[in-house]
N, C-alpha and C. Protein backbone atom coordinates (compact mmCIF):
# COMPACT_ATOMS: atom_id res chain seq x y z
N MET A 1 76.15 24.68 -93.02
CA MET A 1 77.49 24.52 -93.83
C MET A 1 78.33 25.81 -93.99
N SER A 2 79.56 25.74 -94.00
CA SER A 2 80.45 26.90 -94.04
C SER A 2 80.94 26.89 -95.44
N LEU A 3 81.62 28.13 -95.65
CA LEU A 3 82.23 28.48 -96.99
C LEU A 3 83.66 27.68 -96.99
N SER A 4 84.22 27.52 -98.01
CA SER A 4 85.52 26.67 -98.13
C SER A 4 86.54 27.50 -98.72
N SER A 5 87.86 27.32 -98.42
CA SER A 5 89.12 27.76 -99.08
C SER A 5 90.03 26.78 -99.08
N MET A 6 90.99 27.29 -99.99
CA MET A 6 92.31 26.38 -100.05
C MET A 6 93.51 27.37 -100.12
N ILE A 7 94.46 27.19 -99.17
CA ILE A 7 95.73 27.85 -99.09
C ILE A 7 96.92 27.17 -99.65
N ILE A 8 97.47 27.77 -100.58
CA ILE A 8 98.52 26.99 -101.38
C ILE A 8 99.80 27.70 -101.13
N SER A 9 100.61 27.17 -100.16
CA SER A 9 101.89 27.75 -99.64
C SER A 9 102.80 26.82 -98.92
N ARG A 10 103.80 27.10 -98.89
CA ARG A 10 104.80 26.30 -98.01
C ARG A 10 105.37 26.96 -96.74
N ASP A 11 104.88 28.22 -96.79
CA ASP A 11 105.19 29.07 -95.49
C ASP A 11 104.19 28.88 -94.32
N TRP A 12 104.60 27.97 -93.43
CA TRP A 12 103.66 27.53 -92.31
C TRP A 12 103.36 28.69 -91.30
N GLN A 13 104.20 29.63 -91.34
CA GLN A 13 103.98 30.74 -90.35
C GLN A 13 102.85 31.57 -91.09
N GLU A 14 102.80 31.80 -92.28
CA GLU A 14 101.83 32.48 -93.03
C GLU A 14 100.54 31.75 -93.02
N VAL A 15 100.65 30.29 -93.17
CA VAL A 15 99.40 29.46 -93.14
C VAL A 15 98.65 29.58 -91.83
N SER A 16 99.56 29.59 -90.83
CA SER A 16 98.98 29.60 -89.55
C SER A 16 98.19 30.90 -89.26
N VAL A 17 98.71 31.95 -89.54
CA VAL A 17 98.00 33.16 -89.51
C VAL A 17 96.72 33.10 -90.21
N LEU A 18 96.75 32.72 -91.54
CA LEU A 18 95.45 32.78 -92.52
C LEU A 18 94.45 31.71 -91.99
N GLU A 19 94.87 30.65 -91.37
CA GLU A 19 93.99 29.61 -91.09
C GLU A 19 93.12 30.14 -89.68
N CYS A 20 93.87 30.85 -88.89
CA CYS A 20 93.13 31.46 -87.83
C CYS A 20 92.07 32.34 -88.19
N ILE A 21 92.42 33.26 -89.10
CA ILE A 21 91.53 34.24 -89.50
C ILE A 21 90.30 33.64 -90.26
N LEU A 22 90.57 32.76 -91.14
CA LEU A 22 89.53 32.17 -91.90
C LEU A 22 88.66 31.50 -91.12
N SER A 23 89.15 30.67 -89.99
CA SER A 23 88.25 30.00 -89.04
C SER A 23 87.36 31.04 -88.32
N GLY A 24 87.99 32.16 -88.05
CA GLY A 24 87.13 33.10 -87.30
C GLY A 24 85.99 33.72 -88.17
N LEU A 25 86.17 33.67 -89.55
CA LEU A 25 85.11 33.94 -90.55
C LEU A 25 84.33 32.96 -90.96
N HIS A 26 84.40 31.71 -90.25
CA HIS A 26 83.54 30.51 -90.52
C HIS A 26 83.80 29.95 -91.97
N ILE A 27 85.05 29.87 -92.26
CA ILE A 27 85.43 29.54 -93.70
C ILE A 27 86.47 28.30 -93.46
N ASP A 28 86.03 27.13 -93.97
CA ASP A 28 86.78 26.01 -93.82
C ASP A 28 88.11 26.08 -94.67
N VAL A 29 89.20 25.35 -94.23
CA VAL A 29 90.41 25.60 -94.76
C VAL A 29 91.11 24.24 -95.16
N ASP A 30 91.52 24.05 -96.30
CA ASP A 30 92.52 23.05 -96.80
C ASP A 30 93.75 23.72 -97.16
N VAL A 31 94.84 22.96 -96.82
CA VAL A 31 96.26 23.50 -97.23
C VAL A 31 96.95 22.52 -98.18
N GLU A 32 97.45 23.20 -99.00
CA GLU A 32 98.21 22.33 -99.94
C GLU A 32 99.58 22.98 -100.28
N SER A 33 100.60 22.33 -100.16
CA SER A 33 101.96 22.93 -100.35
C SER A 33 102.53 22.76 -101.80
N GLU A 34 101.98 21.87 -102.66
CA GLU A 34 102.46 21.63 -103.94
C GLU A 34 101.43 22.05 -104.98
N LEU A 35 101.78 22.92 -106.08
CA LEU A 35 100.90 23.45 -106.98
C LEU A 35 100.11 22.27 -107.87
N ASP A 36 100.94 21.23 -108.18
CA ASP A 36 100.35 20.06 -108.92
C ASP A 36 99.27 19.48 -108.15
N ARG A 37 99.44 19.15 -106.86
CA ARG A 37 98.48 18.51 -106.17
C ARG A 37 97.26 19.43 -105.93
N ALA A 38 97.63 20.73 -105.75
CA ALA A 38 96.40 21.76 -105.58
C ALA A 38 95.52 21.76 -106.76
N TRP A 39 96.28 21.76 -108.01
CA TRP A 39 95.42 21.85 -109.30
C TRP A 39 94.56 20.61 -109.37
N ILE A 40 95.04 19.46 -109.10
CA ILE A 40 94.17 18.28 -109.17
C ILE A 40 93.06 18.30 -108.25
N ARG A 41 93.21 18.71 -107.00
CA ARG A 41 92.15 18.90 -106.04
C ARG A 41 91.17 19.92 -106.39
N LEU A 42 91.60 21.13 -107.02
CA LEU A 42 90.83 22.13 -107.41
C LEU A 42 90.03 21.80 -108.66
N ARG A 43 90.47 20.80 -109.36
CA ARG A 43 89.74 20.53 -110.68
C ARG A 43 88.54 19.56 -110.11
N LYS A 44 88.70 18.89 -108.94
CA LYS A 44 87.71 17.86 -108.62
C LYS A 44 86.58 18.40 -107.69
N SER A 45 86.88 19.53 -107.01
CA SER A 45 85.99 20.05 -106.01
C SER A 45 86.01 21.62 -106.05
N LYS A 46 85.04 22.24 -105.60
CA LYS A 46 84.79 23.59 -105.72
C LYS A 46 85.05 24.17 -104.39
N VAL A 47 85.84 25.53 -104.51
CA VAL A 47 86.05 26.06 -103.27
C VAL A 47 85.82 27.60 -103.36
N ASP A 48 85.49 28.28 -102.30
CA ASP A 48 84.94 29.74 -102.57
C ASP A 48 86.08 30.58 -102.53
N ALA A 49 87.34 30.30 -101.91
CA ALA A 49 88.46 31.21 -101.96
C ALA A 49 89.75 30.35 -102.06
N VAL A 50 90.64 30.81 -103.04
CA VAL A 50 91.81 30.30 -103.18
C VAL A 50 93.05 31.31 -102.83
N ILE A 51 93.80 30.98 -102.01
CA ILE A 51 95.03 31.66 -101.33
C ILE A 51 96.30 31.21 -101.97
N VAL A 52 96.76 31.92 -102.72
CA VAL A 52 98.12 31.34 -103.48
C VAL A 52 99.26 32.23 -103.06
N ASP A 53 100.48 31.73 -102.54
CA ASP A 53 101.72 32.33 -102.05
C ASP A 53 102.38 32.16 -103.38
N CYS A 54 102.71 33.52 -103.92
CA CYS A 54 103.27 33.69 -105.25
C CYS A 54 104.81 33.68 -105.15
N ASP A 55 105.30 33.44 -103.76
CA ASP A 55 106.90 33.07 -103.68
C ASP A 55 107.28 31.74 -104.34
N ALA A 56 106.28 30.95 -104.47
CA ALA A 56 106.59 29.56 -105.04
C ALA A 56 106.72 29.64 -106.45
N ASP A 57 107.72 28.64 -106.96
CA ASP A 57 108.01 28.69 -108.34
C ASP A 57 106.87 28.29 -109.17
N GLY A 58 106.57 28.74 -110.33
CA GLY A 58 105.53 28.22 -111.04
C GLY A 58 103.96 28.83 -110.78
N THR A 59 103.92 29.87 -109.79
CA THR A 59 102.62 30.33 -109.56
C THR A 59 101.99 31.10 -110.61
N ARG A 60 102.70 31.83 -111.21
CA ARG A 60 102.23 32.66 -112.34
C ARG A 60 101.59 31.85 -113.37
N HIS A 61 102.12 30.72 -113.72
CA HIS A 61 101.58 29.75 -114.79
C HIS A 61 100.38 29.06 -114.16
N PHE A 62 100.48 28.79 -112.80
CA PHE A 62 99.34 28.12 -112.18
C PHE A 62 98.12 29.21 -112.17
N LEU A 63 98.38 30.27 -111.79
CA LEU A 63 97.31 31.20 -111.84
C LEU A 63 96.66 31.41 -113.19
N ARG A 64 97.42 31.43 -114.26
CA ARG A 64 96.96 31.58 -115.64
C ARG A 64 96.06 30.54 -116.01
N LYS A 65 96.25 29.35 -115.49
CA LYS A 65 95.48 28.13 -115.62
C LYS A 65 94.22 28.33 -114.71
N LEU A 66 94.38 28.58 -113.52
CA LEU A 66 93.42 28.56 -112.49
C LEU A 66 92.24 29.59 -112.71
N LEU A 67 92.51 30.92 -112.94
CA LEU A 67 91.62 31.82 -113.00
C LEU A 67 90.45 31.59 -114.01
N PRO A 68 90.71 31.24 -115.14
CA PRO A 68 89.52 31.01 -116.05
C PRO A 68 88.57 29.80 -115.72
N SER A 69 89.25 28.85 -114.84
CA SER A 69 88.54 27.66 -114.41
C SER A 69 87.66 27.82 -113.23
N LEU A 70 87.85 28.94 -112.49
CA LEU A 70 87.08 29.23 -111.28
C LEU A 70 85.77 29.73 -111.48
N PRO A 71 84.76 29.39 -110.84
CA PRO A 71 83.42 29.98 -110.90
C PRO A 71 83.43 31.57 -110.54
N GLY A 72 82.41 32.28 -110.89
CA GLY A 72 82.53 33.66 -110.80
C GLY A 72 82.36 34.06 -109.31
N ALA A 73 81.84 33.27 -108.48
CA ALA A 73 81.67 33.44 -107.11
C ALA A 73 83.01 33.32 -106.28
N ALA A 74 83.86 32.67 -106.94
CA ALA A 74 85.04 32.39 -106.12
C ALA A 74 86.02 33.73 -106.02
N ALA A 75 86.59 33.89 -104.90
CA ALA A 75 87.59 35.15 -104.77
C ALA A 75 89.03 34.54 -104.65
N ILE A 76 89.87 35.22 -105.25
CA ILE A 76 91.25 34.89 -105.33
C ILE A 76 92.07 35.87 -104.42
N VAL A 77 92.90 35.46 -103.46
CA VAL A 77 93.62 36.20 -102.67
C VAL A 77 95.16 35.81 -102.75
N ILE A 78 96.06 36.70 -103.12
CA ILE A 78 97.40 36.32 -103.54
C ILE A 78 98.25 36.97 -102.29
N ALA A 79 98.96 35.95 -101.53
CA ALA A 79 100.03 36.61 -100.67
C ALA A 79 101.31 36.42 -101.24
N SER A 80 102.28 37.44 -101.18
CA SER A 80 103.49 37.37 -101.88
C SER A 80 104.61 38.29 -101.35
N GLY A 81 105.84 37.80 -101.34
CA GLY A 81 106.80 38.61 -101.01
C GLY A 81 107.48 39.52 -102.01
N SER A 82 106.89 39.26 -103.31
CA SER A 82 107.50 40.05 -104.43
C SER A 82 107.26 41.45 -104.32
N PRO A 83 108.23 42.36 -104.61
CA PRO A 83 108.06 43.78 -104.56
C PRO A 83 107.38 44.35 -105.68
N ASN A 84 107.04 43.51 -106.92
CA ASN A 84 106.26 43.89 -107.91
C ASN A 84 104.88 43.98 -107.69
N LYS A 85 104.42 44.76 -106.81
CA LYS A 85 102.98 44.79 -106.63
C LYS A 85 102.15 44.97 -107.78
N ASN A 86 102.43 45.72 -108.78
CA ASN A 86 101.56 46.06 -109.81
C ASN A 86 101.48 44.72 -110.74
N GLY A 87 102.63 44.08 -110.65
CA GLY A 87 102.68 42.74 -111.43
C GLY A 87 101.67 41.82 -110.93
N LEU A 88 101.74 41.74 -109.52
CA LEU A 88 100.70 40.76 -108.89
C LEU A 88 99.39 41.15 -109.25
N ARG A 89 99.03 42.44 -109.27
CA ARG A 89 97.57 42.91 -109.56
C ARG A 89 97.19 42.44 -111.07
N GLY A 90 98.29 42.48 -111.83
CA GLY A 90 98.05 42.10 -113.31
C GLY A 90 97.70 40.59 -113.44
N THR A 91 97.83 39.84 -112.39
CA THR A 91 97.52 38.34 -112.50
C THR A 91 96.05 38.15 -112.70
N GLY A 92 95.22 39.29 -112.27
CA GLY A 92 93.73 39.19 -112.33
C GLY A 92 93.24 38.83 -110.90
N ALA A 93 93.91 38.64 -109.90
CA ALA A 93 93.64 38.25 -108.61
C ALA A 93 92.50 39.43 -108.09
N THR A 94 91.64 38.97 -107.32
CA THR A 94 90.75 39.89 -106.69
C THR A 94 91.34 40.75 -105.64
N PHE A 95 92.40 40.17 -104.81
CA PHE A 95 92.81 40.85 -103.75
C PHE A 95 94.32 40.38 -103.76
N VAL A 96 95.09 41.35 -103.20
CA VAL A 96 96.46 41.12 -102.96
C VAL A 96 96.85 41.43 -101.47
N VAL A 97 97.69 40.47 -100.89
CA VAL A 97 98.15 40.75 -99.65
C VAL A 97 99.57 40.52 -99.75
N GLU A 98 100.38 41.51 -99.18
CA GLU A 98 101.89 41.58 -99.15
C GLU A 98 102.44 40.82 -97.99
N LYS A 99 103.63 40.28 -98.06
CA LYS A 99 104.31 39.52 -96.85
C LYS A 99 105.20 40.69 -96.29
N PRO A 100 105.47 40.74 -95.04
CA PRO A 100 104.92 39.64 -94.15
C PRO A 100 103.53 39.98 -93.90
N VAL A 101 102.77 38.97 -93.70
CA VAL A 101 101.28 39.09 -93.53
C VAL A 101 100.81 39.63 -92.33
N SER A 102 100.29 40.79 -92.56
CA SER A 102 99.89 41.48 -91.21
C SER A 102 98.52 41.08 -90.80
N VAL A 103 98.33 40.63 -89.51
CA VAL A 103 96.89 40.08 -89.19
C VAL A 103 95.79 41.15 -89.39
N GLU A 104 96.07 42.40 -89.06
CA GLU A 104 95.18 43.43 -89.37
C GLU A 104 94.71 43.57 -90.75
N ARG A 105 95.67 43.67 -91.58
CA ARG A 105 95.45 43.62 -93.12
C ARG A 105 94.81 42.40 -93.63
N ALA A 106 95.24 41.29 -93.10
CA ALA A 106 94.61 40.06 -93.65
C ALA A 106 93.08 39.94 -93.13
N VAL A 107 92.91 40.21 -91.99
CA VAL A 107 91.40 40.31 -91.48
C VAL A 107 90.61 41.08 -92.44
N HIS A 108 91.19 42.40 -92.72
CA HIS A 108 90.38 43.19 -93.54
C HIS A 108 90.22 42.62 -94.98
N THR A 109 91.22 42.21 -95.53
CA THR A 109 90.99 41.57 -97.00
C THR A 109 90.33 40.27 -97.01
N LEU A 110 90.53 39.34 -95.99
CA LEU A 110 89.63 38.16 -96.07
C LEU A 110 88.16 38.45 -95.75
N SER A 111 87.86 39.28 -94.89
CA SER A 111 86.58 39.78 -94.54
C SER A 111 85.88 40.23 -95.89
N ALA A 112 86.52 41.22 -96.58
CA ALA A 112 86.04 41.78 -97.88
C ALA A 112 85.80 40.56 -98.90
N ALA A 113 86.72 39.56 -98.93
CA ALA A 113 86.58 38.41 -99.73
C ALA A 113 85.28 37.72 -99.46
N ARG A 114 85.13 37.52 -98.21
CA ARG A 114 83.86 36.74 -97.71
C ARG A 114 82.57 37.56 -98.05
N ASN A 115 82.58 38.79 -97.82
CA ASN A 115 81.38 39.60 -98.30
C ASN A 115 81.20 39.57 -99.78
N LEU A 116 82.28 39.57 -100.61
CA LEU A 116 82.17 39.33 -102.14
C LEU A 116 81.46 38.02 -102.37
N ILE A 117 81.88 37.00 -101.86
CA ILE A 117 81.44 35.60 -101.97
C ILE A 117 80.01 35.55 -101.62
N MET A 118 79.55 36.05 -100.27
CA MET A 118 78.23 35.86 -99.94
C MET A 118 77.34 36.74 -100.83
N ASN A 119 77.87 37.90 -101.19
CA ASN A 119 76.84 38.87 -102.00
C ASN A 119 76.42 38.05 -103.21
N GLU A 120 77.53 37.37 -103.87
CA GLU A 120 77.24 36.57 -105.13
C GLU A 120 76.37 35.57 -104.86
N ARG A 121 76.51 34.84 -103.78
CA ARG A 121 75.82 33.64 -103.45
C ARG A 121 74.35 34.01 -103.12
N LEU A 122 73.98 35.13 -102.44
CA LEU A 122 72.84 35.48 -102.00
C LEU A 122 72.03 36.23 -102.98
N ARG A 123 72.77 36.59 -104.09
CA ARG A 123 72.14 37.31 -105.15
C ARG A 123 70.79 36.61 -105.59
N TYR A 124 70.86 35.38 -105.88
CA TYR A 124 69.77 34.62 -106.45
C TYR A 124 69.08 33.70 -105.39
N TYR A 125 69.50 33.74 -104.18
CA TYR A 125 69.01 32.86 -103.14
C TYR A 125 67.65 33.42 -102.43
N ARG A 126 66.52 32.59 -102.58
CA ARG A 126 65.26 32.89 -102.08
C ARG A 126 64.92 31.81 -100.95
N GLU A 127 64.59 32.23 -99.79
CA GLU A 127 64.12 31.69 -98.76
C GLU A 127 62.45 31.44 -98.79
N ALA A 128 62.02 30.25 -98.90
CA ALA A 128 60.49 29.91 -98.94
C ALA A 128 59.96 30.22 -97.66
N LEU A 129 58.83 31.01 -97.54
CA LEU A 129 58.08 31.30 -96.40
C LEU A 129 56.67 31.14 -96.62
N ASP A 130 55.94 31.18 -95.61
CA ASP A 130 54.47 31.49 -95.50
C ASP A 130 54.05 32.30 -94.48
N LEU A 131 54.06 33.48 -94.60
CA LEU A 131 53.84 34.62 -93.61
C LEU A 131 52.75 35.52 -93.96
N SER A 132 51.93 35.82 -92.97
CA SER A 132 50.91 36.77 -93.08
C SER A 132 51.55 38.19 -93.20
N ALA A 133 51.00 39.04 -94.06
CA ALA A 133 51.61 40.33 -94.32
C ALA A 133 50.45 41.34 -94.56
N SER A 134 50.72 42.71 -94.66
CA SER A 134 49.89 43.64 -95.08
C SER A 134 50.54 44.36 -96.07
N VAL A 135 49.74 44.93 -97.11
CA VAL A 135 50.29 45.81 -98.16
C VAL A 135 49.53 47.12 -98.19
N VAL A 136 50.06 48.25 -98.19
CA VAL A 136 49.53 49.62 -98.27
C VAL A 136 49.91 50.07 -99.64
N ARG A 137 48.84 50.48 -100.43
CA ARG A 137 49.00 51.05 -101.74
C ARG A 137 49.04 52.54 -101.49
N ASN A 138 49.66 53.27 -102.64
CA ASN A 138 49.74 54.68 -102.54
C ASN A 138 48.45 55.45 -102.23
N SER A 139 47.31 54.79 -102.61
CA SER A 139 46.06 55.37 -102.08
C SER A 139 45.68 55.28 -100.72
N GLY A 140 46.55 54.64 -100.00
CA GLY A 140 46.27 54.48 -98.66
C GLY A 140 45.46 53.15 -98.33
N LYS A 141 45.02 52.45 -99.31
CA LYS A 141 44.18 51.29 -99.22
C LYS A 141 45.13 50.28 -98.61
N ARG A 142 44.59 49.54 -97.61
CA ARG A 142 45.49 48.45 -97.02
C ARG A 142 44.83 46.95 -97.42
N MET A 143 45.58 45.93 -97.67
CA MET A 143 45.03 44.65 -98.09
C MET A 143 45.91 43.61 -97.56
N LYS A 144 45.29 42.51 -97.21
CA LYS A 144 46.11 41.36 -96.72
C LYS A 144 46.86 40.78 -97.85
N ALA A 145 47.93 40.05 -97.50
CA ALA A 145 48.77 39.38 -98.26
C ALA A 145 49.46 38.27 -97.54
N ARG A 146 50.22 37.34 -98.34
CA ARG A 146 51.16 36.45 -97.85
C ARG A 146 52.55 36.56 -98.30
N VAL A 147 53.56 36.55 -97.61
CA VAL A 147 55.05 36.65 -98.09
C VAL A 147 55.35 34.98 -98.30
N VAL A 148 55.68 34.61 -99.70
CA VAL A 148 55.97 33.19 -99.92
C VAL A 148 57.49 33.07 -100.05
N ASN A 149 58.23 34.04 -100.23
CA ASN A 149 59.74 33.77 -100.24
C ASN A 149 60.38 35.31 -100.03
N ILE A 150 61.73 35.20 -99.71
CA ILE A 150 62.35 36.51 -99.49
C ILE A 150 63.74 36.25 -99.94
N SER A 151 64.38 37.45 -100.41
CA SER A 151 65.75 37.55 -100.71
C SER A 151 66.33 38.63 -99.93
N LYS A 152 67.52 39.00 -99.99
CA LYS A 152 68.09 40.31 -99.28
C LYS A 152 67.56 41.53 -99.87
N GLY A 153 67.00 41.39 -101.04
CA GLY A 153 66.58 42.70 -101.79
C GLY A 153 65.12 42.74 -102.05
N GLY A 154 64.38 41.77 -101.57
CA GLY A 154 62.92 41.73 -101.92
C GLY A 154 62.20 40.42 -101.40
N VAL A 155 60.85 40.56 -101.92
CA VAL A 155 59.78 39.50 -101.30
C VAL A 155 58.95 39.00 -102.59
N LYS A 156 58.60 37.94 -102.49
CA LYS A 156 57.33 37.47 -103.42
C LYS A 156 56.36 37.33 -102.45
N ILE A 157 55.07 38.06 -102.86
CA ILE A 157 53.98 37.91 -102.23
C ILE A 157 52.67 37.48 -103.02
N VAL A 158 51.70 36.98 -102.33
CA VAL A 158 50.47 36.88 -103.00
C VAL A 158 49.46 37.67 -102.18
N SER A 159 48.91 38.78 -102.88
CA SER A 159 47.92 39.68 -102.28
C SER A 159 46.53 39.47 -102.61
N SER A 160 45.60 39.76 -101.85
CA SER A 160 44.19 39.51 -101.87
C SER A 160 43.63 40.35 -103.22
N GLN A 161 44.30 41.15 -103.72
CA GLN A 161 44.07 41.98 -105.11
C GLN A 161 45.14 42.03 -105.90
N PRO A 162 45.11 42.00 -107.19
CA PRO A 162 46.35 42.12 -108.16
C PRO A 162 46.96 43.40 -107.98
N LEU A 163 48.16 43.38 -107.94
CA LEU A 163 49.01 44.66 -108.00
C LEU A 163 49.42 45.15 -109.54
N SER A 164 49.91 46.25 -109.59
CA SER A 164 50.19 46.67 -111.04
C SER A 164 51.70 46.75 -111.12
N PHE A 165 52.36 46.60 -112.41
CA PHE A 165 53.82 46.58 -112.60
C PHE A 165 54.22 48.10 -112.30
N ALA A 166 55.31 48.13 -111.54
CA ALA A 166 56.00 49.35 -111.18
C ALA A 166 55.26 50.11 -110.00
N GLU A 167 54.27 49.64 -109.56
CA GLU A 167 53.46 50.20 -108.37
C GLU A 167 54.27 50.23 -107.28
N LYS A 168 54.17 51.45 -106.58
CA LYS A 168 54.93 51.59 -105.20
C LYS A 168 53.95 51.27 -104.09
N ILE A 169 54.50 50.52 -103.13
CA ILE A 169 53.75 49.95 -101.95
C ILE A 169 54.60 49.90 -100.80
N ARG A 170 53.82 49.59 -99.70
CA ARG A 170 54.57 49.42 -98.61
C ARG A 170 54.17 48.14 -98.00
N VAL A 171 55.13 47.23 -97.56
CA VAL A 171 54.91 45.83 -97.12
C VAL A 171 55.30 45.84 -95.70
N ASN A 172 54.38 45.22 -94.82
CA ASN A 172 54.57 44.91 -93.47
C ASN A 172 54.55 43.44 -93.06
N PHE A 173 55.49 42.96 -92.50
CA PHE A 173 55.54 41.58 -91.98
C PHE A 173 56.56 41.23 -90.96
N SER A 174 56.46 40.03 -90.38
CA SER A 174 57.49 39.76 -89.43
C SER A 174 58.12 38.56 -89.68
N LEU A 175 59.38 38.38 -89.69
CA LEU A 175 60.22 37.22 -89.82
C LEU A 175 60.44 36.42 -88.65
N PRO A 176 60.49 35.06 -88.76
CA PRO A 176 60.56 34.31 -87.67
C PRO A 176 61.86 34.44 -86.78
N HIS A 177 61.79 34.59 -85.44
CA HIS A 177 63.14 34.79 -84.65
C HIS A 177 63.86 35.90 -84.91
N MET A 178 62.98 37.13 -85.49
CA MET A 178 63.58 38.46 -85.63
C MET A 178 62.75 39.37 -84.81
N ARG A 179 63.30 40.07 -84.00
CA ARG A 179 62.52 41.01 -83.08
C ARG A 179 61.90 42.12 -83.83
N SER A 180 62.52 42.78 -84.81
CA SER A 180 62.04 43.82 -85.40
C SER A 180 61.21 43.47 -86.59
N ALA A 181 60.04 44.22 -86.74
CA ALA A 181 59.09 43.81 -87.65
C ALA A 181 59.58 44.51 -89.09
N VAL A 182 59.39 43.95 -90.22
CA VAL A 182 59.81 44.45 -91.44
C VAL A 182 58.79 45.37 -92.08
N ARG A 183 59.13 46.63 -92.16
CA ARG A 183 58.21 47.64 -92.79
C ARG A 183 59.01 48.36 -93.84
N VAL A 184 58.78 48.09 -95.03
CA VAL A 184 59.64 48.48 -95.99
C VAL A 184 58.85 48.95 -97.32
N ASP A 185 59.32 50.17 -97.79
CA ASP A 185 58.62 50.46 -99.06
C ASP A 185 59.28 49.94 -100.27
N GLY A 186 58.47 49.50 -101.08
CA GLY A 186 58.86 48.54 -102.31
C GLY A 186 58.31 48.95 -103.60
N LYS A 187 58.74 48.34 -104.56
CA LYS A 187 58.21 48.56 -106.03
C LYS A 187 57.97 47.27 -106.59
N VAL A 188 56.92 47.19 -107.20
CA VAL A 188 56.42 45.93 -107.92
C VAL A 188 57.19 45.64 -109.13
N ALA A 189 58.11 44.59 -109.14
CA ALA A 189 58.94 44.21 -110.14
C ALA A 189 58.19 43.47 -111.32
N TRP A 190 57.25 42.56 -110.86
CA TRP A 190 56.50 41.89 -111.81
C TRP A 190 55.19 41.54 -111.06
N ALA A 191 54.15 41.15 -111.74
CA ALA A 191 52.81 40.81 -111.07
C ALA A 191 51.88 40.20 -112.11
N ASP A 192 51.01 39.18 -111.58
CA ASP A 192 50.19 38.68 -112.42
C ASP A 192 48.62 38.93 -112.06
N SER A 193 47.69 38.40 -112.60
CA SER A 193 46.33 38.67 -112.39
C SER A 193 45.73 37.84 -111.21
N ASN A 194 46.46 37.03 -110.58
CA ASN A 194 46.19 36.22 -109.41
C ASN A 194 46.75 36.76 -108.18
N GLY A 195 47.19 37.86 -108.23
CA GLY A 195 47.85 38.47 -106.86
C GLY A 195 49.17 38.11 -106.66
N ASN A 196 49.81 37.39 -107.41
CA ASN A 196 51.35 37.08 -107.36
C ASN A 196 52.11 38.24 -107.71
N ALA A 197 53.10 38.59 -106.96
CA ALA A 197 54.00 39.70 -107.36
C ALA A 197 55.34 39.70 -106.64
N GLY A 198 56.30 40.15 -107.38
CA GLY A 198 57.59 40.27 -106.88
C GLY A 198 57.78 41.72 -106.43
N ILE A 199 58.33 41.92 -105.20
CA ILE A 199 58.45 43.39 -104.81
C ILE A 199 59.97 43.58 -104.36
N ARG A 200 60.44 44.63 -105.02
CA ARG A 200 61.88 44.99 -104.79
C ARG A 200 61.92 46.07 -103.65
N PHE A 201 62.80 45.81 -102.70
CA PHE A 201 62.76 46.73 -101.55
C PHE A 201 63.48 48.09 -102.27
N MET A 202 62.83 49.19 -101.95
CA MET A 202 63.37 50.50 -102.57
C MET A 202 63.85 51.42 -101.27
N GLN A 203 63.18 51.47 -100.26
CA GLN A 203 63.58 52.25 -99.02
C GLN A 203 63.39 51.49 -97.82
N ILE A 204 64.63 51.24 -97.23
CA ILE A 204 64.61 50.42 -96.15
C ILE A 204 65.60 50.96 -95.06
N ASP A 205 65.34 51.06 -93.80
CA ASP A 205 66.34 51.48 -92.94
C ASP A 205 67.78 50.68 -92.86
N PRO A 206 68.75 51.24 -92.92
CA PRO A 206 70.05 50.58 -93.21
C PRO A 206 70.13 49.41 -92.02
N ILE A 207 69.88 49.64 -90.80
CA ILE A 207 70.00 48.70 -89.83
C ILE A 207 69.06 47.61 -89.95
N LEU A 208 67.83 47.81 -90.37
CA LEU A 208 66.80 46.83 -90.76
C LEU A 208 67.35 45.97 -92.01
N ALA A 209 67.83 46.76 -92.93
CA ALA A 209 68.29 45.96 -94.01
C ALA A 209 69.37 44.92 -93.70
N LYS A 210 70.27 45.45 -92.81
CA LYS A 210 71.36 44.46 -92.46
C LYS A 210 70.84 43.29 -91.68
N LYS A 211 69.79 43.46 -90.78
CA LYS A 211 69.16 42.45 -90.12
C LYS A 211 68.50 41.47 -91.12
N VAL A 212 67.84 41.98 -92.15
CA VAL A 212 67.21 41.10 -93.13
C VAL A 212 68.24 40.32 -93.85
N GLU A 213 69.41 40.91 -94.25
CA GLU A 213 70.42 40.31 -94.98
C GLU A 213 71.10 39.04 -94.21
N LEU A 214 71.35 39.33 -92.88
CA LEU A 214 71.77 38.38 -91.96
C LEU A 214 70.91 37.29 -91.73
N TRP A 215 69.66 37.58 -91.50
CA TRP A 215 68.61 36.56 -91.42
C TRP A 215 68.48 35.61 -92.61
N VAL A 216 68.69 36.15 -93.86
CA VAL A 216 68.61 35.39 -95.09
C VAL A 216 69.85 34.59 -95.39
N GLU A 217 71.10 35.11 -94.93
CA GLU A 217 72.43 34.47 -94.88
C GLU A 217 72.37 33.21 -93.97
N GLN A 218 71.71 33.46 -92.77
CA GLN A 218 71.54 32.47 -91.77
C GLN A 218 70.75 31.15 -92.33
N ARG A 219 69.79 31.41 -92.85
CA ARG A 219 68.83 30.44 -93.53
C ARG A 219 69.48 29.85 -94.64
N TYR A 220 70.31 30.53 -95.43
CA TYR A 220 70.92 30.03 -96.54
C TYR A 220 71.94 28.84 -96.10
N PHE A 221 72.64 29.07 -95.01
CA PHE A 221 73.49 28.09 -94.51
C PHE A 221 72.85 26.82 -93.91
N GLN A 222 71.82 27.18 -93.24
CA GLN A 222 70.85 26.13 -92.67
C GLN A 222 70.13 25.34 -93.67
N SER A 223 69.99 25.92 -94.85
CA SER A 223 69.35 25.06 -95.95
C SER A 223 70.14 23.91 -96.43
N GLY A 224 71.50 24.06 -96.33
CA GLY A 224 72.31 22.94 -96.94
C GLY A 224 72.58 23.29 -98.53
N ASP A 225 72.18 24.59 -98.93
CA ASP A 225 72.32 24.76 -100.35
C ASP A 225 73.75 25.22 -100.70
N VAL A 226 74.74 25.20 -99.70
CA VAL A 226 76.13 25.66 -100.06
C VAL A 226 76.68 24.61 -100.78
N SER A 227 77.14 24.88 -101.92
CA SER A 227 77.82 23.90 -102.69
C SER A 227 79.07 24.39 -103.61
C-alpha cells in the first residue's frame, strides 16, 4: 500500500505538476476543488499529506480548523501566490511552496514531506523475524542468538545467555533478500533473565543503515499496516 495525499486547489496547472511528483514518490493523490467538500472527506478518512492552495477564499479559516484535527504524522504543504510568506508560515504549516510552483522546488519539498511521514510511521514499526544471529560481548565471548524483530534503529533478540542492561555488544545477522550482512555495534536497551533483549543500534555504517531502513520500509508497505 502507498501513502496518501489530498490536493485542495482550483489551479489545474498546479495540480498537474503536484500529481506527477507525488505519483513518482509513490503517494496516492485525491484532488478536491472546494474547501467544504475537502473538509467532509478529511473528517471521514485519514491522509498522510494535505496540500492547500491558499489563493482560494477561506483557506486561512480552513487551516485553523484542519491543523488541530490532523494526526501528528500528517505533513501539511501549502502552495500560495500570496506575497506574505511569513504570514503563511504563521499558519502552522510544515512546509510552504510559493507560486508559480517550480518542479525542482516541489520535488525537494514533497520528498522532505514524505521522509517526515515515513520517519514518524517507522518509529514504532517492528517487522517480525526468526533469524539466526551471533552476539559478541565486550569480553570477546561469542554466543548464539535469534533475531525476532527489527526496526530501523534496533532489534529484539533472544540469546543463549542473558544480557545485562546497557551492555555494549556486536550483533551479526543477515536479512532476507539483502546482500549485505548486518554487523552492528549496539547497546542493550532492556533485557530479562530468559535471554530476551532489545538492542539499540549505536554504531552502524551509514550505507548499511540506509539499506536496513529501506528494507524495513519495504516490509512495512508489504505488511498492509498502512492506515
